[in-house]
Amino acid sequence: MSPGIGLMKRRLEKENDAIALAVSGIAKKYDIQPEIIKTLETKYHSDAGDWYVALGWEEQKAIVKMDSVLGTITEIKEI
């Protein structure tokens, strides 16, 4: 039996960790400089253990969903 999400060690423990991973993922996917990416909003879903980071650059915006335990991006959705 595996421990619940609340008992597992998270790789993305802090908001800044989640923002850094999200910016890195967007910069790589869209081939842009990380300096032009702005953080619009962050949320942590405690039941699922997921971070959601909304980012904006130029005329585009995206929401990056990340698994806090695995420390990976699970979805990038343009809005």
Protein backbone atom coordinates (compact mmCIF):
# COMPACT_ATOMS: atom_id res chain seq x y z
CA MET A 1 0.00 0.00 0.00
CA SER A 2 1.43 3.36 -0.98
CA PRO A 3 1.13 6.46 1.19
CA GLY A 4 -1.44 9.14 0.41
CA ILE A 5 -0.40 12.26 -1.49
CA GLY A 6 -0.13 14.16 1.79
CA LEU A 7 2.50 11.76 3.14
CA MET A 8 4.69 11.57 0.03
CA LYS A 9 7.76 13.78 -0.37
CA ARG A 10 7.09 16.41 -3.01
CA ARG A 11 9.73 17.49 -5.49
CA LEU A 12 7.90 20.76 -6.14
CA GLU A 13 7.52 21.87 -2.53
CA LYS A 14 7.34 25.62 -3.04
CA GLU A 15 5.60 27.96 -5.43
CA ASN A 16 8.95 29.18 -6.78
CA ASP A 17 9.92 25.61 -7.72
CA ALA A 18 6.70 25.20 -9.70
CA ILE A 19 7.14 28.56 -11.45
CA ALA A 20 10.72 27.72 -12.45
CA LEU A 21 9.66 24.37 -13.97
CA ALA A 22 6.69 25.94 -15.78
CA VAL A 23 8.82 28.76 -17.26
CA SER A 24 11.43 26.23 -18.35
CA GLY A 25 8.80 24.05 -20.04
CA ILE A 26 7.22 26.97 -21.90
CA ALA A 27 10.61 28.34 -22.99
CA LYS A 28 11.59 24.94 -24.37
CA LYS A 29 8.26 24.17 -26.07
CA TYR A 30 7.86 27.56 -27.75
CA ASP A 31 11.59 28.32 -28.23
CA ILE A 32 11.48 31.67 -26.41
CA GLN A 33 13.68 33.37 -23.85
CA PRO A 34 12.59 32.75 -20.22
CA GLU A 35 13.09 36.44 -19.40
CA ILE A 36 10.04 37.50 -21.44
CA ILE A 37 7.69 35.05 -19.69
CA LYS A 38 5.53 36.57 -16.94
CA THR A 39 3.79 34.67 -14.15
CA LEU A 40 0.09 35.55 -14.13
CA GLU A 41 -1.23 33.23 -11.40
CA THR A 42 -0.34 30.10 -9.42
CA LYS A 43 -2.55 27.60 -7.62
CA TYR A 44 -1.91 24.39 -5.72
CA HIS A 45 -4.54 21.65 -5.65
CA SER A 46 -3.88 19.95 -2.31
CA ASP A 47 -6.10 16.90 -2.94
CA ALA A 48 -4.46 15.99 -6.25
CA GLY A 49 -1.02 17.34 -5.41
CA ASP A 50 -0.85 19.37 -8.63
CA TRP A 51 0.49 22.85 -9.30
CA TYR A 52 -1.17 25.09 -11.89
CA VAL A 53 0.83 28.04 -13.19
CA ALA A 54 -0.60 30.56 -15.65
CA LEU A 55 2.07 32.24 -17.76
CA GLY A 56 1.98 34.96 -20.39
CA TRP A 57 4.42 36.14 -23.05
CA GLU A 58 3.99 38.42 -26.04
CA GLU A 59 0.33 37.89 -27.06
CA GLN A 60 0.08 34.32 -25.78
CA LYS A 61 -0.98 32.72 -22.50
CA ALA A 62 -0.80 29.15 -21.22
CA ILE A 63 -1.62 27.12 -18.13
CA VAL A 64 1.00 24.59 -17.08
CA LYS A 65 -0.16 21.66 -14.92
CA MET A 66 2.54 19.88 -12.90
CA ASP A 67 2.67 16.88 -10.60
CA SER A 68 4.27 18.06 -7.34
CA VAL A 69 5.42 14.58 -6.28
CA LEU A 70 7.08 13.60 -9.55
CA GLY A 71 8.20 17.13 -10.36
CA THR A 72 7.05 16.86 -13.97
CA ILE A 73 4.87 18.83 -16.35
CA THR A 74 1.75 16.82 -17.10
CA GLU A 75 -0.04 19.28 -19.41
CA ILE A 76 0.46 22.60 -21.18
CA LYS A 77 -2.77 24.21 -22.36
CA GLU A 78 -2.84 27.43 -24.38
CA ILE A 79 -5.60 29.85 -23.48
